[in-house]
């Protein structure tokens, strides 16, 4: 029997992705009872889009698909008992939030920050590209906004976001949310449960080998 290692899901997401909001908002309530570790990994999805030849979200090129997406997200939010409000502006700049999250990836408040930024955008229709919006979230977490944001703007912190985005690209991530379990890639909020099942299956196999 091999030594057991804690099961883990790496959840790559973008703060301007509506389906990422759905996954981040519900992943812990699914995984915590199962003792599955989740790493929330915010990336600059736009950089991957550009590498794939897209200037922005592919939804913008297909108005019918964009309309369907908003209907679908609202429907899924009701299904999951999550608050949701279609934002006025889409997509929106999210680099600052992503840099903060990566600069403080090990902080106890990291996951709460990620969810609150997503809620600011997809529940309260706030422009998360604006420093004052991020500042309010940081103050609500009893943090110093000026110090935190300055640290996240340092070249080292910027490099962390670039490195994580490159890591996602190397894993063939092409959209958000993307969930990685071992060598398996699952794309989309509707594959969250499949990623959890894969995680549990991999753990069972290690225990029985």
N, C-alpha and C. Protein backbone atom coordinates (compact mmCIF):
# COMPACT_ATOMS: atom_id res chain seq x y z
N UNK A 1 0.85 -1.20 0.00
CA UNK A 1 0.00 0.00 0.00
C UNK A 1 0.87 1.24 0.00
N UNK A 2 0.59 2.16 -0.95
CA UNK A 2 1.34 3.40 -1.00
C UNK A 2 0.86 4.36 0.08
N UNK A 3 1.77 5.22 0.49
CA UNK A 3 1.41 6.24 1.47
C UNK A 3 0.38 7.19 0.87
N UNK A 4 -0.65 7.47 1.64
CA UNK A 4 -1.71 8.34 1.16
C UNK A 4 -1.25 9.79 1.12
N UNK A 5 -1.60 10.50 0.06
CA UNK A 5 -1.36 11.92 -0.04
C UNK A 5 -2.71 12.63 -0.13
N UNK A 6 -2.83 13.80 0.46
CA UNK A 6 -4.12 14.49 0.46
C UNK A 6 -4.60 14.76 -0.96
N UNK A 7 -5.85 14.45 -1.25
CA UNK A 7 -6.39 14.76 -2.59
C UNK A 7 -6.46 16.26 -2.79
N UNK A 8 -6.20 16.72 -4.05
CA UNK A 8 -6.15 18.16 -4.30
C UNK A 8 -6.70 18.49 -5.68
N UNK A 9 -7.39 19.60 -5.72
CA UNK A 9 -7.86 20.17 -6.97
C UNK A 9 -7.24 21.55 -7.14
N UNK A 10 -6.62 21.79 -8.28
CA UNK A 10 -6.12 23.11 -8.61
C UNK A 10 -7.15 23.79 -9.51
N UNK A 11 -7.73 24.88 -9.02
CA UNK A 11 -8.80 25.56 -9.73
C UNK A 11 -8.25 26.86 -10.33
N UNK A 12 -7.98 26.82 -11.63
CA UNK A 12 -7.51 28.01 -12.34
C UNK A 12 -8.73 28.81 -12.79
N UNK A 13 -8.73 30.12 -12.49
CA UNK A 13 -9.89 30.93 -12.82
C UNK A 13 -9.47 32.36 -13.14
N UNK A 14 -10.41 33.10 -13.69
CA UNK A 14 -10.22 34.52 -13.96
C UNK A 14 -11.32 35.29 -13.25
N UNK A 15 -10.97 36.41 -12.65
CA UNK A 15 -11.94 37.18 -11.88
C UNK A 15 -13.07 37.77 -12.74
N UNK A 16 -12.89 37.82 -14.04
CA UNK A 16 -13.95 38.35 -14.90
C UNK A 16 -14.77 37.25 -15.57
N UNK A 17 -14.56 36.01 -15.16
CA UNK A 17 -15.28 34.87 -15.73
C UNK A 17 -16.50 34.52 -14.90
N UNK A 18 -17.71 34.60 -15.47
CA UNK A 18 -18.92 34.30 -14.69
C UNK A 18 -18.99 32.84 -14.22
N UNK A 19 -18.53 31.93 -15.05
CA UNK A 19 -18.55 30.53 -14.62
C UNK A 19 -17.52 30.26 -13.53
N UNK A 20 -16.45 31.06 -13.52
CA UNK A 20 -15.49 30.96 -12.42
C UNK A 20 -16.15 31.36 -11.11
N UNK A 21 -16.98 32.38 -11.15
CA UNK A 21 -17.71 32.78 -9.94
C UNK A 21 -18.51 31.61 -9.38
N UNK A 22 -19.23 30.91 -10.25
CA UNK A 22 -20.05 29.79 -9.79
C UNK A 22 -19.20 28.72 -9.12
N UNK A 23 -18.05 28.41 -9.72
CA UNK A 23 -17.21 27.34 -9.16
C UNK A 23 -16.54 27.75 -7.86
N UNK A 24 -15.97 28.96 -7.82
CA UNK A 24 -15.29 29.41 -6.61
C UNK A 24 -16.28 29.54 -5.46
N UNK A 25 -17.50 29.97 -5.78
CA UNK A 25 -18.49 30.18 -4.72
C UNK A 25 -18.97 28.88 -4.09
N UNK A 26 -18.84 27.76 -4.78
CA UNK A 26 -19.40 26.52 -4.24
C UNK A 26 -18.39 25.40 -4.03
N UNK A 27 -17.14 25.60 -4.49
CA UNK A 27 -16.19 24.49 -4.45
C UNK A 27 -15.90 24.03 -3.04
N UNK A 28 -15.76 24.94 -2.09
CA UNK A 28 -15.38 24.52 -0.74
C UNK A 28 -16.50 23.78 -0.03
N UNK A 29 -17.74 24.15 -0.28
CA UNK A 29 -18.82 23.44 0.39
C UNK A 29 -18.97 22.02 -0.14
N UNK A 30 -18.43 21.76 -1.33
CA UNK A 30 -18.43 20.40 -1.89
C UNK A 30 -17.23 19.61 -1.39
N UNK A 31 -16.06 20.26 -1.37
CA UNK A 31 -14.82 19.53 -1.11
C UNK A 31 -14.46 19.39 0.37
N UNK A 32 -14.85 20.34 1.18
CA UNK A 32 -14.45 20.29 2.60
C UNK A 32 -14.94 19.03 3.31
N UNK A 33 -16.20 18.60 3.14
CA UNK A 33 -16.63 17.37 3.81
C UNK A 33 -15.87 16.13 3.32
N UNK A 34 -15.23 16.24 2.15
CA UNK A 34 -14.52 15.11 1.56
C UNK A 34 -13.02 15.18 1.82
N UNK A 35 -12.60 16.19 2.57
CA UNK A 35 -11.17 16.38 2.89
C UNK A 35 -10.32 16.54 1.64
N UNK A 36 -10.86 17.24 0.66
CA UNK A 36 -10.13 17.55 -0.57
C UNK A 36 -9.60 18.97 -0.46
N UNK A 37 -8.32 19.13 -0.69
CA UNK A 37 -7.70 20.45 -0.69
C UNK A 37 -7.96 21.13 -2.04
N UNK A 38 -8.30 22.40 -1.98
CA UNK A 38 -8.51 23.18 -3.20
C UNK A 38 -7.56 24.37 -3.20
N UNK A 39 -6.85 24.54 -4.31
CA UNK A 39 -6.03 25.73 -4.49
C UNK A 39 -6.72 26.63 -5.50
N UNK A 40 -7.08 27.83 -5.07
CA UNK A 40 -7.67 28.82 -5.98
C UNK A 40 -6.53 29.57 -6.65
N UNK A 41 -6.46 29.48 -7.98
CA UNK A 41 -5.32 30.01 -8.72
C UNK A 41 -5.80 31.00 -9.79
N UNK A 42 -5.86 32.28 -9.45
CA UNK A 42 -6.31 33.27 -10.43
C UNK A 42 -5.23 33.57 -11.47
N UNK A 43 -5.64 33.54 -12.74
CA UNK A 43 -4.71 33.77 -13.84
C UNK A 43 -5.19 34.94 -14.69
N UNK A 44 -4.33 35.37 -15.62
CA UNK A 44 -4.70 36.39 -16.60
C UNK A 44 -5.15 35.66 -17.86
N UNK A 45 -6.42 35.29 -17.90
CA UNK A 45 -6.92 34.48 -19.00
C UNK A 45 -6.79 35.21 -20.34
N UNK A 46 -6.85 36.54 -20.31
CA UNK A 46 -6.71 37.30 -21.55
C UNK A 46 -5.39 37.03 -22.25
N UNK A 47 -4.33 36.80 -21.48
CA UNK A 47 -3.03 36.52 -22.08
C UNK A 47 -3.05 35.19 -22.83
N UNK A 48 -3.78 34.21 -22.29
CA UNK A 48 -3.92 32.93 -22.98
C UNK A 48 -4.80 33.09 -24.21
N UNK A 49 -5.87 33.87 -24.09
CA UNK A 49 -6.72 34.14 -25.25
C UNK A 49 -5.91 34.73 -26.40
N UNK A 50 -5.06 35.71 -26.08
CA UNK A 50 -4.26 36.36 -27.12
C UNK A 50 -3.32 35.37 -27.78
N UNK A 51 -2.76 34.47 -26.99
CA UNK A 51 -1.87 33.45 -27.56
C UNK A 51 -2.63 32.52 -28.50
N UNK A 52 -3.93 32.33 -28.21
CA UNK A 52 -4.76 31.48 -29.06
C UNK A 52 -5.37 32.24 -30.24
N UNK A 53 -5.07 33.53 -30.32
CA UNK A 53 -5.55 34.33 -31.45
C UNK A 53 -6.84 35.07 -31.20
N UNK A 54 -7.27 35.13 -29.93
CA UNK A 54 -8.50 35.85 -29.58
C UNK A 54 -8.12 37.15 -28.89
N UNK A 55 -8.76 38.25 -29.28
CA UNK A 55 -8.47 39.54 -28.68
C UNK A 55 -9.19 39.76 -27.36
N UNK A 56 -10.28 39.03 -27.16
CA UNK A 56 -11.05 39.15 -25.92
C UNK A 56 -11.84 37.86 -25.73
N UNK A 57 -12.82 37.89 -24.84
CA UNK A 57 -13.64 36.71 -24.60
C UNK A 57 -14.31 36.24 -25.89
N UNK A 58 -14.23 34.95 -26.22
CA UNK A 58 -14.88 34.43 -27.42
C UNK A 58 -16.39 34.68 -27.42
N UNK A 59 -16.98 34.85 -26.25
CA UNK A 59 -18.41 35.12 -26.17
C UNK A 59 -18.78 36.42 -26.88
N UNK A 60 -17.87 37.40 -26.89
CA UNK A 60 -18.18 38.69 -27.47
C UNK A 60 -18.36 38.62 -28.98
N UNK A 61 -17.75 37.63 -29.61
CA UNK A 61 -17.86 37.47 -31.06
C UNK A 61 -19.16 36.79 -31.48
N UNK A 62 -19.89 36.26 -30.51
CA UNK A 62 -21.13 35.54 -30.80
C UNK A 62 -22.25 36.06 -29.89
N UNK A 63 -22.97 37.11 -30.31
CA UNK A 63 -23.99 37.71 -29.45
C UNK A 63 -25.03 36.72 -28.93
N UNK A 64 -25.43 35.78 -29.75
CA UNK A 64 -26.41 34.79 -29.29
C UNK A 64 -25.83 33.93 -28.17
N UNK A 65 -24.58 33.55 -28.34
CA UNK A 65 -23.93 32.74 -27.30
C UNK A 65 -23.74 33.55 -26.03
N UNK A 66 -23.43 34.85 -26.19
CA UNK A 66 -23.27 35.71 -25.02
C UNK A 66 -24.58 35.84 -24.26
N UNK A 67 -25.68 36.05 -24.98
CA UNK A 67 -26.99 36.13 -24.34
C UNK A 67 -27.33 34.84 -23.62
N UNK A 68 -27.01 33.72 -24.27
CA UNK A 68 -27.28 32.43 -23.64
C UNK A 68 -26.46 32.26 -22.38
N UNK A 69 -25.20 32.69 -22.43
CA UNK A 69 -24.32 32.54 -21.26
C UNK A 69 -24.93 33.22 -20.05
N UNK A 70 -25.41 34.46 -20.22
CA UNK A 70 -25.97 35.17 -19.07
C UNK A 70 -27.23 34.47 -18.55
N UNK A 71 -28.04 33.97 -19.46
CA UNK A 71 -29.23 33.22 -19.04
C UNK A 71 -28.83 31.95 -18.29
N UNK A 72 -27.81 31.29 -18.80
CA UNK A 72 -27.37 30.03 -18.20
C UNK A 72 -26.74 30.27 -16.83
N UNK A 73 -25.92 31.30 -16.71
CA UNK A 73 -25.28 31.59 -15.42
C UNK A 73 -26.34 31.93 -14.37
N UNK A 74 -27.33 32.73 -14.76
CA UNK A 74 -28.40 33.08 -13.83
C UNK A 74 -29.17 31.84 -13.40
N UNK A 75 -29.42 30.96 -14.35
CA UNK A 75 -30.15 29.72 -14.06
C UNK A 75 -29.35 28.82 -13.13
N UNK A 76 -28.06 28.70 -13.40
CA UNK A 76 -27.20 27.87 -12.55
C UNK A 76 -27.06 28.46 -11.16
N UNK A 77 -26.98 29.78 -11.08
CA UNK A 77 -26.88 30.43 -9.77
C UNK A 77 -28.12 30.12 -8.93
N UNK A 78 -29.28 30.17 -9.55
CA UNK A 78 -30.51 29.81 -8.82
C UNK A 78 -30.46 28.35 -8.38
N UNK A 79 -29.98 27.50 -9.24
CA UNK A 79 -29.87 26.08 -8.92
C UNK A 79 -28.97 25.86 -7.71
N UNK A 80 -27.87 26.61 -7.64
CA UNK A 80 -26.90 26.45 -6.55
C UNK A 80 -27.22 27.33 -5.35
N UNK A 81 -28.31 28.09 -5.42
CA UNK A 81 -28.70 29.01 -4.35
C UNK A 81 -27.62 30.06 -4.10
N UNK A 82 -27.14 30.63 -5.22
CA UNK A 82 -26.14 31.69 -5.16
C UNK A 82 -26.75 33.00 -5.65
N UNK A 83 -26.33 34.09 -5.06
CA UNK A 83 -26.74 35.39 -5.57
C UNK A 83 -26.03 35.67 -6.89
N UNK A 84 -26.72 36.36 -7.78
CA UNK A 84 -26.10 36.71 -9.07
C UNK A 84 -26.82 37.90 -9.67
N UNK A 85 -26.04 38.81 -10.23
CA UNK A 85 -26.56 39.94 -10.99
C UNK A 85 -25.66 40.15 -12.19
N UNK A 86 -26.24 40.17 -13.36
CA UNK A 86 -25.44 40.37 -14.57
C UNK A 86 -24.75 41.73 -14.52
N UNK A 87 -23.43 41.75 -14.65
CA UNK A 87 -22.72 43.03 -14.58
C UNK A 87 -22.98 43.88 -15.82
N UNK A 88 -22.90 45.18 -15.63
CA UNK A 88 -23.12 46.12 -16.72
C UNK A 88 -22.01 46.03 -17.75
N UNK A 89 -20.79 45.84 -17.29
CA UNK A 89 -19.63 45.80 -18.18
C UNK A 89 -19.04 44.40 -18.18
N UNK A 90 -18.77 43.87 -19.39
CA UNK A 90 -18.15 42.55 -19.51
C UNK A 90 -17.34 42.49 -20.78
N UNK A 91 -16.10 41.95 -20.68
CA UNK A 91 -15.38 41.62 -19.44
C UNK A 91 -14.86 42.88 -18.77
N UNK A 92 -14.17 42.69 -17.67
CA UNK A 92 -13.64 43.82 -16.92
C UNK A 92 -12.20 43.50 -16.52
N UNK A 93 -11.40 44.55 -16.34
CA UNK A 93 -10.02 44.34 -15.94
C UNK A 93 -9.92 43.70 -14.56
N UNK A 94 -9.08 42.70 -14.44
CA UNK A 94 -8.98 42.00 -13.15
C UNK A 94 -7.53 41.71 -12.76
N UNK A 95 -6.59 42.38 -13.45
CA UNK A 95 -5.18 42.12 -13.20
C UNK A 95 -4.79 42.46 -11.77
N UNK A 96 -5.27 43.60 -11.27
CA UNK A 96 -4.89 44.01 -9.91
C UNK A 96 -5.32 42.98 -8.88
N UNK A 97 -6.56 42.51 -8.98
CA UNK A 97 -7.05 41.50 -8.04
C UNK A 97 -6.23 40.22 -8.14
N UNK A 98 -5.90 39.83 -9.37
CA UNK A 98 -5.13 38.60 -9.57
C UNK A 98 -3.72 38.73 -9.00
N UNK A 99 -3.12 39.90 -9.16
CA UNK A 99 -1.78 40.11 -8.60
C UNK A 99 -1.81 40.04 -7.08
N UNK A 100 -2.83 40.62 -6.46
CA UNK A 100 -2.95 40.57 -5.00
C UNK A 100 -3.09 39.12 -4.54
N UNK A 101 -3.99 38.39 -5.19
CA UNK A 101 -4.23 37.00 -4.79
C UNK A 101 -2.98 36.15 -4.94
N UNK A 102 -2.20 36.39 -5.97
CA UNK A 102 -0.98 35.61 -6.16
C UNK A 102 0.12 36.03 -5.20
N UNK A 103 0.18 37.32 -4.90
CA UNK A 103 1.20 37.80 -3.97
C UNK A 103 0.96 37.28 -2.56
N UNK A 104 -0.30 37.00 -2.24
CA UNK A 104 -0.65 36.54 -0.90
C UNK A 104 -1.33 35.16 -0.95
N UNK A 105 -0.79 34.31 -1.80
CA UNK A 105 -1.40 32.99 -2.01
C UNK A 105 -1.48 32.16 -0.74
N UNK A 106 -0.56 32.37 0.19
CA UNK A 106 -0.53 31.57 1.42
C UNK A 106 -1.23 32.26 2.60
N UNK A 107 -1.80 33.41 2.36
CA UNK A 107 -2.46 34.15 3.45
C UNK A 107 -3.77 33.48 3.84
N UNK A 108 -4.12 33.58 5.09
CA UNK A 108 -5.36 32.95 5.58
C UNK A 108 -6.59 33.57 4.93
N UNK A 109 -6.47 34.81 4.46
CA UNK A 109 -7.60 35.52 3.88
C UNK A 109 -7.69 35.38 2.36
N UNK A 110 -6.78 34.63 1.77
CA UNK A 110 -6.69 34.53 0.31
C UNK A 110 -8.01 34.09 -0.33
N UNK A 111 -8.58 32.98 0.13
CA UNK A 111 -9.79 32.45 -0.50
C UNK A 111 -10.98 33.38 -0.29
N UNK A 112 -11.06 33.99 0.88
CA UNK A 112 -12.13 34.96 1.13
C UNK A 112 -12.00 36.16 0.21
N UNK A 113 -10.80 36.62 0.01
CA UNK A 113 -10.56 37.74 -0.90
C UNK A 113 -11.03 37.39 -2.31
N UNK A 114 -10.64 36.21 -2.79
CA UNK A 114 -11.03 35.79 -4.14
C UNK A 114 -12.55 35.78 -4.30
N UNK A 115 -13.24 35.19 -3.34
CA UNK A 115 -14.69 35.11 -3.44
C UNK A 115 -15.32 36.50 -3.35
N UNK A 116 -14.80 37.35 -2.48
CA UNK A 116 -15.39 38.68 -2.33
C UNK A 116 -15.19 39.54 -3.58
N UNK A 117 -14.08 39.37 -4.26
CA UNK A 117 -13.87 40.10 -5.52
C UNK A 117 -14.87 39.62 -6.56
N UNK A 118 -15.05 38.31 -6.66
CA UNK A 118 -16.02 37.77 -7.60
C UNK A 118 -17.43 38.22 -7.28
N UNK A 119 -17.77 38.27 -6.00
CA UNK A 119 -19.10 38.72 -5.59
C UNK A 119 -19.28 40.22 -5.87
N UNK A 120 -18.22 40.98 -5.69
CA UNK A 120 -18.31 42.41 -5.99
C UNK A 120 -18.72 42.62 -7.44
N UNK A 121 -18.20 41.79 -8.32
CA UNK A 121 -18.48 41.93 -9.75
C UNK A 121 -19.81 41.29 -10.14
N UNK A 122 -20.02 40.04 -9.71
CA UNK A 122 -21.16 39.27 -10.21
C UNK A 122 -22.39 39.29 -9.31
N UNK A 123 -22.30 39.97 -8.19
CA UNK A 123 -23.47 40.13 -7.33
C UNK A 123 -23.81 41.61 -7.18
N UNK A 124 -22.77 42.44 -6.98
CA UNK A 124 -23.00 43.85 -6.69
C UNK A 124 -22.71 44.77 -7.87
N UNK A 125 -22.33 44.18 -9.02
CA UNK A 125 -22.10 44.95 -10.25
C UNK A 125 -21.10 46.08 -10.04
N UNK A 126 -20.03 45.79 -9.33
CA UNK A 126 -18.98 46.78 -9.09
C UNK A 126 -17.82 46.53 -10.05
N UNK A 127 -17.19 47.59 -10.48
CA UNK A 127 -16.06 47.51 -11.40
C UNK A 127 -14.80 47.15 -10.62
N UNK A 128 -14.41 45.89 -10.67
CA UNK A 128 -13.27 45.43 -9.88
C UNK A 128 -11.94 45.88 -10.46
N UNK A 129 -11.97 46.59 -11.58
CA UNK A 129 -10.74 47.19 -12.11
C UNK A 129 -10.39 48.47 -11.36
N UNK A 130 -11.36 48.99 -10.60
CA UNK A 130 -11.16 50.25 -9.89
C UNK A 130 -10.50 50.00 -8.52
N UNK A 131 -9.42 50.71 -8.22
CA UNK A 131 -8.70 50.50 -6.95
C UNK A 131 -9.58 50.67 -5.72
N UNK A 132 -10.55 51.59 -5.79
CA UNK A 132 -11.38 51.82 -4.60
C UNK A 132 -12.25 50.61 -4.27
N UNK A 133 -12.64 49.84 -5.29
CA UNK A 133 -13.42 48.63 -5.04
C UNK A 133 -12.57 47.59 -4.33
N UNK A 134 -11.36 47.40 -4.82
CA UNK A 134 -10.45 46.44 -4.19
C UNK A 134 -10.07 46.91 -2.79
N UNK A 135 -9.89 48.21 -2.63
CA UNK A 135 -9.55 48.75 -1.31
C UNK A 135 -10.62 48.45 -0.29
N UNK A 136 -11.89 48.60 -0.68
CA UNK A 136 -12.99 48.31 0.25
C UNK A 136 -12.98 46.85 0.67
N UNK A 137 -12.69 45.98 -0.27
CA UNK A 137 -12.65 44.55 0.05
C UNK A 137 -11.51 44.27 1.03
N UNK A 138 -10.36 44.85 0.79
CA UNK A 138 -9.21 44.63 1.66
C UNK A 138 -9.47 45.18 3.06
N UNK A 139 -10.09 46.35 3.13
CA UNK A 139 -10.41 46.91 4.45
C UNK A 139 -11.40 46.02 5.19
N UNK A 140 -12.33 45.43 4.45
CA UNK A 140 -13.30 44.53 5.07
C UNK A 140 -12.65 43.28 5.63
N UNK A 141 -11.44 42.97 5.14
CA UNK A 141 -10.68 41.83 5.65
C UNK A 141 -9.67 42.27 6.71
N UNK A 142 -9.82 43.50 7.18
CA UNK A 142 -8.92 44.07 8.20
C UNK A 142 -7.48 44.17 7.72
N UNK A 143 -7.31 44.51 6.44
CA UNK A 143 -6.00 44.66 5.85
C UNK A 143 -5.75 46.12 5.50
N UNK A 144 -4.50 46.45 5.32
CA UNK A 144 -4.11 47.79 4.90
C UNK A 144 -4.12 47.83 3.37
N UNK A 145 -5.08 48.51 2.75
CA UNK A 145 -5.17 48.49 1.29
C UNK A 145 -3.93 49.05 0.60
N UNK A 146 -3.42 50.17 1.09
CA UNK A 146 -2.27 50.80 0.43
C UNK A 146 -1.06 49.88 0.44
N UNK A 147 -0.79 49.30 1.60
CA UNK A 147 0.37 48.40 1.72
C UNK A 147 0.18 47.15 0.87
N UNK A 148 -1.00 46.57 0.93
CA UNK A 148 -1.27 45.33 0.20
C UNK A 148 -1.20 45.56 -1.30
N UNK A 149 -1.81 46.63 -1.77
CA UNK A 149 -1.82 46.90 -3.21
C UNK A 149 -0.44 47.30 -3.72
N UNK A 150 0.31 48.00 -2.90
CA UNK A 150 1.67 48.38 -3.31
C UNK A 150 2.54 47.14 -3.45
N UNK A 151 2.42 46.23 -2.50
CA UNK A 151 3.20 44.99 -2.57
C UNK A 151 2.83 44.18 -3.81
N UNK A 152 1.53 44.16 -4.14
CA UNK A 152 1.06 43.40 -5.30
C UNK A 152 1.48 44.05 -6.62
N UNK A 153 1.86 45.33 -6.56
CA UNK A 153 2.29 46.03 -7.77
C UNK A 153 3.79 45.92 -8.01
N UNK A 154 4.51 45.32 -7.07
CA UNK A 154 5.94 45.15 -7.22
C UNK A 154 6.23 44.18 -8.36
N UNK A 155 7.40 44.31 -8.96
CA UNK A 155 7.75 43.47 -10.11
C UNK A 155 7.72 41.98 -9.75
N UNK A 156 8.14 41.67 -8.52
CA UNK A 156 8.12 40.26 -8.10
C UNK A 156 6.70 39.71 -8.11
N UNK A 157 5.75 40.50 -7.64
CA UNK A 157 4.36 40.06 -7.61
C UNK A 157 3.79 39.95 -9.02
N UNK A 158 4.14 40.88 -9.88
CA UNK A 158 3.70 40.81 -11.27
C UNK A 158 4.24 39.53 -11.92
N UNK A 159 5.47 39.20 -11.56
CA UNK A 159 6.07 37.97 -12.10
C UNK A 159 5.34 36.71 -11.66
N UNK A 160 4.80 36.73 -10.44
CA UNK A 160 4.06 35.57 -9.95
C UNK A 160 2.83 35.31 -10.80
N UNK A 161 2.11 36.37 -11.19
CA UNK A 161 0.93 36.20 -12.03
C UNK A 161 1.32 35.71 -13.41
N UNK A 162 2.39 36.27 -13.96
CA UNK A 162 2.84 35.81 -15.28
C UNK A 162 3.25 34.34 -15.23
N UNK A 163 3.94 33.95 -14.16
CA UNK A 163 4.39 32.56 -14.04
C UNK A 163 3.20 31.61 -13.89
N UNK A 164 2.20 32.00 -13.10
CA UNK A 164 1.04 31.13 -12.92
C UNK A 164 0.24 31.02 -14.21
N UNK A 165 0.12 32.11 -14.95
CA UNK A 165 -0.58 32.08 -16.23
C UNK A 165 0.17 31.20 -17.22
N UNK A 166 1.50 31.28 -17.22
CA UNK A 166 2.31 30.41 -18.08
C UNK A 166 2.14 28.95 -17.68
N UNK A 167 2.04 28.71 -16.38
CA UNK A 167 1.82 27.34 -15.89
C UNK A 167 0.49 26.80 -16.39
N UNK A 168 -0.54 27.63 -16.33
CA UNK A 168 -1.85 27.22 -16.83
C UNK A 168 -1.79 26.95 -18.33
N UNK A 169 -1.09 27.80 -19.05
CA UNK A 169 -0.95 27.62 -20.49
C UNK A 169 -0.25 26.30 -20.81
N UNK A 170 0.77 25.97 -20.03
CA UNK A 170 1.51 24.72 -20.24
C UNK A 170 0.63 23.49 -19.98
N UNK A 171 -0.41 23.68 -19.17
CA UNK A 171 -1.36 22.60 -18.88
C UNK A 171 -2.50 22.56 -19.90
N UNK A 172 -2.38 23.40 -20.95
CA UNK A 172 -3.39 23.49 -22.02
C UNK A 172 -4.71 24.09 -21.56
N UNK A 173 -4.65 24.93 -20.52
CA UNK A 173 -5.84 25.66 -20.11
C UNK A 173 -6.22 26.63 -21.22
N UNK A 174 -7.50 26.66 -21.58
CA UNK A 174 -7.97 27.54 -22.64
C UNK A 174 -9.20 28.34 -22.24
N UNK A 175 -9.69 28.11 -21.03
CA UNK A 175 -10.86 28.83 -20.55
C UNK A 175 -10.94 28.68 -19.04
N UNK A 176 -11.92 29.37 -18.47
CA UNK A 176 -12.06 29.36 -17.01
C UNK A 176 -13.52 29.13 -16.62
N UNK A 177 -13.70 28.37 -15.54
CA UNK A 177 -12.67 27.76 -14.70
C UNK A 177 -12.12 26.48 -15.33
N UNK A 178 -10.87 26.20 -15.03
CA UNK A 178 -10.25 24.93 -15.40
C UNK A 178 -9.76 24.26 -14.12
N UNK A 179 -10.12 23.00 -13.97
CA UNK A 179 -9.78 22.26 -12.76
C UNK A 179 -8.81 21.15 -13.11
N UNK A 180 -7.71 21.09 -12.38
CA UNK A 180 -6.68 20.10 -12.66
C UNK A 180 -6.56 19.15 -11.47
N UNK A 181 -6.68 17.87 -11.77
CA UNK A 181 -6.51 16.80 -10.79
C UNK A 181 -5.43 15.88 -11.32
N UNK A 182 -4.25 15.94 -10.70
CA UNK A 182 -3.14 15.15 -11.24
C UNK A 182 -2.82 15.60 -12.65
N UNK A 183 -3.00 14.70 -13.62
CA UNK A 183 -2.77 15.01 -15.02
C UNK A 183 -4.07 15.28 -15.78
N UNK A 184 -5.19 15.25 -15.07
CA UNK A 184 -6.50 15.40 -15.72
C UNK A 184 -6.95 16.86 -15.69
N UNK A 185 -7.44 17.33 -16.84
CA UNK A 185 -7.95 18.69 -16.96
C UNK A 185 -9.46 18.65 -17.18
N UNK A 186 -10.18 19.44 -16.39
CA UNK A 186 -11.63 19.56 -16.52
C UNK A 186 -11.94 21.04 -16.75
N UNK A 187 -12.72 21.32 -17.79
CA UNK A 187 -13.04 22.71 -18.11
C UNK A 187 -14.51 23.00 -17.85
N UNK A 188 -14.75 24.08 -17.12
CA UNK A 188 -16.10 24.56 -16.93
C UNK A 188 -16.69 24.22 -15.58
N UNK A 189 -17.57 25.09 -15.11
CA UNK A 189 -18.22 24.87 -13.82
C UNK A 189 -19.01 23.57 -13.80
N UNK A 190 -19.54 23.17 -14.95
CA UNK A 190 -20.33 21.94 -14.99
C UNK A 190 -19.48 20.69 -14.89
N UNK A 191 -18.16 20.86 -14.81
CA UNK A 191 -17.27 19.71 -14.63
C UNK A 191 -16.66 19.67 -13.23
N UNK A 192 -17.13 20.54 -12.35
CA UNK A 192 -16.60 20.56 -10.99
C UNK A 192 -16.83 19.23 -10.29
N UNK A 193 -18.03 18.71 -10.37
CA UNK A 193 -18.32 17.43 -9.71
C UNK A 193 -17.50 16.29 -10.31
N UNK A 194 -17.24 16.35 -11.63
CA UNK A 194 -16.40 15.33 -12.25
C UNK A 194 -14.97 15.41 -11.73
N UNK A 195 -14.47 16.62 -11.52
CA UNK A 195 -13.12 16.78 -10.97
C UNK A 195 -13.05 16.22 -9.55
N UNK A 196 -14.10 16.46 -8.77
CA UNK A 196 -14.15 15.92 -7.40
C UNK A 196 -14.16 14.39 -7.44
N UNK A 197 -14.96 13.83 -8.33
CA UNK A 197 -15.03 12.37 -8.44
C UNK A 197 -13.68 11.79 -8.86
N UNK A 198 -13.00 12.46 -9.78
CA UNK A 198 -11.67 12.01 -10.21
C UNK A 198 -10.69 12.06 -9.06
N UNK A 199 -10.77 13.11 -8.27
CA UNK A 199 -9.89 13.27 -7.11
C UNK A 199 -10.08 12.12 -6.13
N UNK A 200 -11.32 11.79 -5.85
CA UNK A 200 -11.62 10.69 -4.92
C UNK A 200 -11.19 9.35 -5.49
N UNK A 201 -11.38 9.18 -6.78
CA UNK A 201 -10.99 7.93 -7.44
C UNK A 201 -9.48 7.74 -7.39
N UNK A 202 -8.75 8.82 -7.66
CA UNK A 202 -7.28 8.73 -7.61
C UNK A 202 -6.80 8.39 -6.21
N UNK A 203 -7.44 8.97 -5.21
CA UNK A 203 -7.07 8.70 -3.82
C UNK A 203 -7.34 7.23 -3.48
N UNK A 204 -8.48 6.71 -3.93
CA UNK A 204 -8.82 5.31 -3.66
C UNK A 204 -7.80 4.38 -4.32
N UNK A 205 -7.39 4.71 -5.54
CA UNK A 205 -6.42 3.86 -6.24
C UNK A 205 -5.10 3.83 -5.51
N UNK A 206 -4.66 5.00 -4.99
CA UNK A 206 -3.39 5.03 -4.29
C UNK A 206 -3.44 4.20 -3.01
N UNK A 207 -4.60 4.21 -2.35
CA UNK A 207 -4.74 3.49 -1.10
C UNK A 207 -4.80 1.98 -1.32
N UNK A 208 -5.25 1.54 -2.48
CA UNK A 208 -5.45 0.12 -2.71
C UNK A 208 -4.31 -0.53 -3.49
N UNK A 209 -3.39 0.28 -4.03
CA UNK A 209 -2.28 -0.29 -4.78
C UNK A 209 -1.30 -0.98 -3.82
